[in-house]
């Protein structure tokens, strides 16, 4: 099971821009999919990985989740930073959080000299995005879904299902948490 996921990760990364010396950053929430991505990246690109967790401060548990990621990173010699938005929540919480997250990750990437940020978007996220856009009356362009590359953001897990990534995380005995907001239909 873990070998198949690793092979598919390597295959997806081979299709993306490559610079053998480039440092890669991994956005890690602490969920099973992002922890799987982190472990895959560390295994496939040893010495080239740094990680960042964005703690929006929206849930009491978020600081502990960021600390869990930091602890795993420390045990695996992966530099890790926890990033915090400086602006207060405005408007739609999810839109604010997404905007803050990507801005913080881009600042971190530039400051650290990282070539690309990897995110753990997977096939289930892709389907969810397309359904949400369809429900909003999106045109053909909007139905394209999540892109594999958007600027300096790479999404190498788009061909994998969340269940595969959860199984990988469990098989690799990776610590992870389940954010209850992921199951909340309001978000």
C-alpha atoms as a PDB file:
ATOM      1  CA  UNK A   1       0.000   0.000   0.000  1.00  0.00           C
ATOM      2  CA  UNK A   2       2.618   2.554   1.002  1.00  0.00           C
ATOM      3  CA  UNK A   3       4.839   1.636  -1.978  1.00  0.00           C
ATOM      4  CA  UNK A   4       1.986   2.326  -4.419  1.00  0.00           C
ATOM      5  CA  UNK A   5       1.262   5.732  -2.907  1.00  0.00           C
ATOM      6  CA  UNK A   6       4.949   6.626  -2.977  1.00  0.00           C
ATOM      7  CA  UNK A   7       5.294   5.552  -6.609  1.00  0.00           C
ATOM      8  CA  UNK A   8       2.268   7.632  -7.612  1.00  0.00           C
ATOM      9  CA  UNK A   9       3.645  10.624  -5.690  1.00  0.00           C
ATOM     10  CA  UNK A  10       6.999  10.312  -7.495  1.00  0.00           C
ATOM     11  CA  UNK A  11       5.187  10.028 -10.825  1.00  0.00           C
ATOM     12  CA  UNK A  12       3.100  13.142 -10.126  1.00  0.00           C
ATOM     13  CA  UNK A  13       6.168  15.097  -9.050  1.00  0.00           C
ATOM     14  CA  UNK A  14       8.046  14.013 -12.203  1.00  0.00           C
ATOM     15  CA  UNK A  15       5.336  15.733 -14.274  1.00  0.00           C
ATOM     16  CA  UNK A  16       5.820  19.001 -12.376  1.00  0.00           C
ATOM     17  CA  UNK A  17       8.668  21.520 -12.700  1.00  0.00           C
ATOM     18  CA  UNK A  18      11.920  20.093 -11.414  1.00  0.00           C
ATOM     19  CA  UNK A  19      15.132  21.615 -10.252  1.00  0.00           C
ATOM     20  CA  UNK A  20      17.285  18.993  -8.577  1.00  0.00           C
ATOM     21  CA  UNK A  21      18.657  21.520  -6.085  1.00  0.00           C
ATOM     22  CA  UNK A  22      15.421  23.372  -5.347  1.00  0.00           C
ATOM     23  CA  UNK A  23      14.076  23.417  -1.811  1.00  0.00           C
ATOM     24  CA  UNK A  24      10.442  22.420  -1.457  1.00  0.00           C
ATOM     25  CA  UNK A  25       8.036  23.669   1.171  1.00  0.00           C
ATOM     26  CA  UNK A  26       5.115  21.597   2.414  1.00  0.00           C
ATOM     27  CA  UNK A  27       1.974  23.212   3.794  1.00  0.00           C
ATOM     28  CA  UNK A  28       0.965  20.951   6.693  1.00  0.00           C
ATOM     29  CA  UNK A  29      -2.256  21.299   8.666  1.00  0.00           C
ATOM     30  CA  UNK A  30      -1.711  18.153  10.703  1.00  0.00           C
ATOM     31  CA  UNK A  31      -4.490  16.237   8.957  1.00  0.00           C
ATOM     32  CA  UNK A  32      -3.760  12.762   7.575  1.00  0.00           C
ATOM     33  CA  UNK A  33      -3.522  13.975   3.979  1.00  0.00           C
ATOM     34  CA  UNK A  34      -1.020  16.756   4.694  1.00  0.00           C
ATOM     35  CA  UNK A  35       1.004  14.526   7.044  1.00  0.00           C
ATOM     36  CA  UNK A  36       1.107  11.885   4.292  1.00  0.00           C
ATOM     37  CA  UNK A  37       2.322  14.545   1.845  1.00  0.00           C
ATOM     38  CA  UNK A  38       4.992  15.671   4.299  1.00  0.00           C
ATOM     39  CA  UNK A  39       6.235  12.114   4.861  1.00  0.00           C
ATOM     40  CA  UNK A  40       6.250  11.392   1.114  1.00  0.00           C
ATOM     41  CA  UNK A  41       8.167  14.585   0.362  1.00  0.00           C
ATOM     42  CA  UNK A  42      10.744  13.895   3.088  1.00  0.00           C
ATOM     43  CA  UNK A  43      11.216  10.337   1.847  1.00  0.00           C
ATOM     44  CA  UNK A  44      11.491  11.271  -1.836  1.00  0.00           C
ATOM     45  CA  UNK A  45      13.415  14.558  -1.471  1.00  0.00           C
ATOM     46  CA  UNK A  46      15.640  14.138   1.605  1.00  0.00           C
ATOM     47  CA  UNK A  47      17.334  17.299   2.778  1.00  0.00           C
ATOM     48  CA  UNK A  48      15.260  19.525   0.474  1.00  0.00           C
ATOM     49  CA  UNK A  49      12.058  19.858   2.521  1.00  0.00           C
ATOM     50  CA  UNK A  50      10.832  22.552   4.905  1.00  0.00           C
ATOM     51  CA  UNK A  51       7.336  22.643   6.387  1.00  0.00           C
ATOM     52  CA  UNK A  52       4.940  25.318   7.517  1.00  0.00           C
ATOM     53  CA  UNK A  53       1.703  25.159   9.453  1.00  0.00           C
ATOM     54  CA  UNK A  54      -0.703  28.068   9.390  1.00  0.00           C
ATOM     55  CA  UNK A  55      -2.437  28.450  12.750  1.00  0.00           C
ATOM     56  CA  UNK A  56      -5.393  30.716  12.096  1.00  0.00           C
ATOM     57  CA  UNK A  57      -6.285  30.640  15.793  1.00  0.00           C
ATOM     58  CA  UNK A  58      -9.897  29.789  14.967  1.00  0.00           C
ATOM     59  CA  UNK A  59     -10.052  26.669  17.147  1.00  0.00           C
ATOM     60  CA  UNK A  60      -8.619  26.032  20.603  1.00  0.00           C
ATOM     61  CA  UNK A  61      -6.922  22.846  19.326  1.00  0.00           C
ATOM     62  CA  UNK A  62      -5.037  24.498  16.461  1.00  0.00           C
ATOM     63  CA  UNK A  63      -1.933  25.441  18.492  1.00  0.00           C
ATOM     64  CA  UNK A  64      -1.571  21.847  19.681  1.00  0.00           C
ATOM     65  CA  UNK A  65      -1.978  20.567  16.124  1.00  0.00           C
ATOM     66  CA  UNK A  66       0.768  22.904  14.899  1.00  0.00           C
ATOM     67  CA  UNK A  67       2.975  21.718  17.786  1.00  0.00           C
ATOM     68  CA  UNK A  68       2.349  18.079  16.769  1.00  0.00           C
ATOM     69  CA  UNK A  69       3.549  18.859  13.233  1.00  0.00           C
ATOM     70  CA  UNK A  70       6.575  20.732  14.608  1.00  0.00           C
ATOM     71  CA  UNK A  71       7.460  17.772  16.828  1.00  0.00           C
ATOM     72  CA  UNK A  72       7.294  15.310  13.918  1.00  0.00           C
ATOM     73  CA  UNK A  73       9.415  17.666  11.822  1.00  0.00           C
ATOM     74  CA  UNK A  74      12.012  18.033  14.589  1.00  0.00           C
ATOM     75  CA  UNK A  75      12.257  14.240  14.896  1.00  0.00           C
ATOM     76  CA  UNK A  76      12.878  14.008  11.133  1.00  0.00           C
ATOM     77  CA  UNK A  77      15.271  16.980  10.788  1.00  0.00           C
ATOM     78  CA  UNK A  78      12.775  19.028   8.789  1.00  0.00           C
ATOM     79  CA  UNK A  79      12.736  22.789   9.413  1.00  0.00           C
ATOM     80  CA  UNK A  80       9.238  23.858  10.480  1.00  0.00           C
ATOM     81  CA  UNK A  81       7.562  27.211  11.051  1.00  0.00           C
ATOM     82  CA  UNK A  82       4.148  27.960  12.481  1.00  0.00           C
ATOM     83  CA  UNK A  83       2.639  30.989  10.771  1.00  0.00           C
ATOM     84  CA  UNK A  84      -0.058  33.232  12.264  1.00  0.00           C
ATOM     85  CA  UNK A  85      -2.269  35.738  10.430  1.00  0.00           C
ATOM     86  CA  UNK A  86      -1.891  39.275  11.722  1.00  0.00           C
ATOM     87  CA  UNK A  87      -5.190  40.566  10.339  1.00  0.00           C
ATOM     88  CA  UNK A  88      -8.484  39.868  12.140  1.00  0.00           C
ATOM     89  CA  UNK A  89     -11.187  37.718  10.570  1.00  0.00           C
ATOM     90  CA  UNK A  90     -13.278  39.676   8.077  1.00  0.00           C
ATOM     91  CA  UNK A  91     -16.308  38.520   6.075  1.00  0.00           C
ATOM     92  CA  UNK A  92     -16.569  34.861   5.154  1.00  0.00           C
ATOM     93  CA  UNK A  93     -14.333  32.941   7.586  1.00  0.00           C
ATOM     94  CA  UNK A  94     -13.314  30.251   5.093  1.00  0.00           C
ATOM     95  CA  UNK A  95     -12.466  32.783   2.374  1.00  0.00           C
ATOM     96  CA  UNK A  96     -10.508  34.887   4.884  1.00  0.00           C
ATOM     97  CA  UNK A  97      -8.625  31.812   6.148  1.00  0.00           C
ATOM     98  CA  UNK A  98      -7.754  30.651   2.606  1.00  0.00           C
ATOM     99  CA  UNK A  99      -6.544  34.118   1.605  1.00  0.00           C
ATOM    100  CA  UNK A 100      -4.495  34.517   4.804  1.00  0.00           C
ATOM    101  CA  UNK A 101      -3.040  31.006   4.449  1.00  0.00           C
ATOM    102  CA  UNK A 102      -1.804  31.515   0.892  1.00  0.00           C
ATOM    103  CA  UNK A 103      -0.413  34.987   1.670  1.00  0.00           C
ATOM    104  CA  UNK A 104       1.474  33.678   4.706  1.00  0.00           C
ATOM    105  CA  UNK A 105       2.798  30.669   2.802  1.00  0.00           C
ATOM    106  CA  UNK A 106       4.002  32.876  -0.067  1.00  0.00           C
ATOM    107  CA  UNK A 107       5.805  35.233   2.343  1.00  0.00           C
ATOM    108  CA  UNK A 108       7.373  32.211   4.077  1.00  0.00           C
ATOM    109  CA  UNK A 109       8.390  30.648   0.737  1.00  0.00           C
ATOM    110  CA  UNK A 110      10.115  33.834  -0.424  1.00  0.00           C
ATOM    111  CA  UNK A 111      11.799  34.456   2.950  1.00  0.00           C
ATOM    112  CA  UNK A 112      13.126  30.875   3.141  1.00  0.00           C
ATOM    113  CA  UNK A 113      14.327  30.674  -0.473  1.00  0.00           C
ATOM    114  CA  UNK A 114      11.927  27.839  -1.249  1.00  0.00           C
ATOM    115  CA  UNK A 115      11.162  27.171  -4.912  1.00  0.00           C
ATOM    116  CA  UNK A 116       7.692  25.628  -4.565  1.00  0.00           C
ATOM    117  CA  UNK A 117       5.024  24.975  -1.943  1.00  0.00           C
ATOM    118  CA  UNK A 118       3.350  21.558  -2.013  1.00  0.00           C
ATOM    119  CA  UNK A 119      -0.227  21.303  -0.790  1.00  0.00           C
ATOM    120  CA  UNK A 120      -2.180  18.144  -0.001  1.00  0.00           C
ATOM    121  CA  UNK A 121      -5.183  18.781  -2.238  1.00  0.00           C
ATOM    122  CA  UNK A 122      -6.402  15.374  -3.413  1.00  0.00           C
ATOM    123  CA  UNK A 123      -9.023  13.856  -5.726  1.00  0.00           C
ATOM    124  CA  UNK A 124     -11.821  14.261  -3.165  1.00  0.00           C
ATOM    125  CA  UNK A 125     -11.001  17.988  -2.871  1.00  0.00           C
ATOM    126  CA  UNK A 126     -11.076  18.191  -6.654  1.00  0.00           C
ATOM    127  CA  UNK A 127     -14.547  16.650  -6.798  1.00  0.00           C
ATOM    128  CA  UNK A 128     -15.808  18.856  -3.966  1.00  0.00           C
ATOM    129  CA  UNK A 129     -14.528  21.984  -5.722  1.00  0.00           C
ATOM    130  CA  UNK A 130     -16.194  21.045  -8.990  1.00  0.00           C
ATOM    131  CA  UNK A 131     -19.536  20.280  -7.276  1.00  0.00           C
ATOM    132  CA  UNK A 132     -19.462  23.557  -5.345  1.00  0.00           C
ATOM    133  CA  UNK A 133     -18.716  25.494  -8.530  1.00  0.00           C
ATOM    134  CA  UNK A 134     -21.439  23.639 -10.444  1.00  0.00           C
ATOM    135  CA  UNK A 135     -23.937  24.461  -7.697  1.00  0.00           C
ATOM    136  CA  UNK A 136     -22.963  28.134  -7.988  1.00  0.00           C
ATOM    137  CA  UNK A 137     -23.659  28.101 -11.718  1.00  0.00           C
ATOM    138  CA  UNK A 138     -20.024  28.243 -12.789  1.00  0.00           C
ATOM    139  CA  UNK A 139     -19.197  28.116 -16.459  1.00  0.00           C
ATOM    140  CA  UNK A 140     -16.876  25.671 -18.189  1.00  0.00           C
ATOM    141  CA  UNK A 141     -13.721  27.435 -16.954  1.00  0.00           C
ATOM    142  CA  UNK A 142     -14.882  27.194 -13.341  1.00  0.00           C
ATOM    143  CA  UNK A 143     -15.509  23.479 -13.697  1.00  0.00           C
ATOM    144  CA  UNK A 144     -11.838  22.866 -14.431  1.00  0.00           C
ATOM    145  CA  UNK A 145     -11.319  22.299 -10.713  1.00  0.00           C
ATOM    146  CA  UNK A 146      -8.105  22.634  -8.751  1.00  0.00           C
ATOM    147  CA  UNK A 147      -4.980  23.078 -10.866  1.00  0.00           C
ATOM    148  CA  UNK A 148      -1.853  20.965 -10.379  1.00  0.00           C
ATOM    149  CA  UNK A 149       0.166  24.145 -10.456  1.00  0.00           C
ATOM    150  CA  UNK A 150      -0.829  27.665  -9.594  1.00  0.00           C
ATOM    151  CA  UNK A 151       2.171  29.971  -9.538  1.00  0.00           C
ATOM    152  CA  UNK A 152       4.574  28.515  -6.989  1.00  0.00           C
ATOM    153  CA  UNK A 153       1.945  26.127  -5.538  1.00  0.00           C
ATOM    154  CA  UNK A 154       2.151  22.473  -6.602  1.00  0.00           C
ATOM    155  CA  UNK A 155      -0.543  19.883  -5.875  1.00  0.00           C
ATOM    156  CA  UNK A 156       0.948  16.420  -6.511  1.00  0.00           C
ATOM    157  CA  UNK A 157      -1.825  14.411  -4.797  1.00  0.00           C
ATOM    158  CA  UNK A 158      -4.728  15.292  -7.109  1.00  0.00           C
ATOM    159  CA  UNK A 159      -4.900  11.743  -8.470  1.00  0.00           C
ATOM    160  CA  UNK A 160      -5.148  10.179  -5.004  1.00  0.00           C
ATOM    161  CA  UNK A 161      -8.232   9.708  -2.865  1.00  0.00           C
ATOM    162  CA  UNK A 162      -8.363  10.882   0.738  1.00  0.00           C
ATOM    163  CA  UNK A 163      -8.952   7.293   1.892  1.00  0.00           C
ATOM    164  CA  UNK A 164      -5.632   6.255   0.294  1.00  0.00           C
ATOM    165  CA  UNK A 165      -3.810   9.061   2.065  1.00  0.00           C
ATOM    166  CA  UNK A 166      -5.443   8.227   5.411  1.00  0.00           C
ATOM    167  CA  UNK A 167      -4.445   4.572   4.931  1.00  0.00           C
ATOM    168  CA  UNK A 168      -0.894   5.673   4.085  1.00  0.00           C
ATOM    169  CA  UNK A 169      -0.726   7.863   7.199  1.00  0.00           C
ATOM    170  CA  UNK A 170      -1.929   4.986   9.362  1.00  0.00           C
ATOM    171  CA  UNK A 171       0.400   2.438   7.753  1.00  0.00           C
ATOM    172  CA  UNK A 172       3.345   4.819   8.221  1.00  0.00           C
ATOM    173  CA  UNK A 173       2.220   5.478  11.817  1.00  0.00           C
ATOM    174  CA  UNK A 174       2.104   9.212  11.185  1.00  0.00           C
ATOM    175  CA  UNK A 175       0.565  11.368  13.885  1.00  0.00           C
ATOM    176  CA  UNK A 176      -2.434  13.267  12.584  1.00  0.00           C
ATOM    177  CA  UNK A 177      -5.619  14.989  13.627  1.00  0.00           C
ATOM    178  CA  UNK A 178      -9.047  15.269  12.105  1.00  0.00           C
ATOM    179  CA  UNK A 179     -10.200  18.880  11.892  1.00  0.00           C
ATOM    180  CA  UNK A 180     -13.943  18.813  12.605  1.00  0.00           C
ATOM    181  CA  UNK A 181     -14.500  21.785  10.285  1.00  0.00           C
ATOM    182  CA  UNK A 182     -13.619  19.496   7.346  1.00  0.00           C
ATOM    183  CA  UNK A 183     -16.825  17.540   7.991  1.00  0.00           C
ATOM    184  CA  UNK A 184     -18.950  20.636   8.611  1.00  0.00           C
ATOM    185  CA  UNK A 185     -21.183  21.215   5.567  1.00  0.00           C
ATOM    186  CA  UNK A 186     -21.204  24.971   6.288  1.00  0.00           C
ATOM    187  CA  UNK A 187     -17.570  25.078   5.118  1.00  0.00           C
END
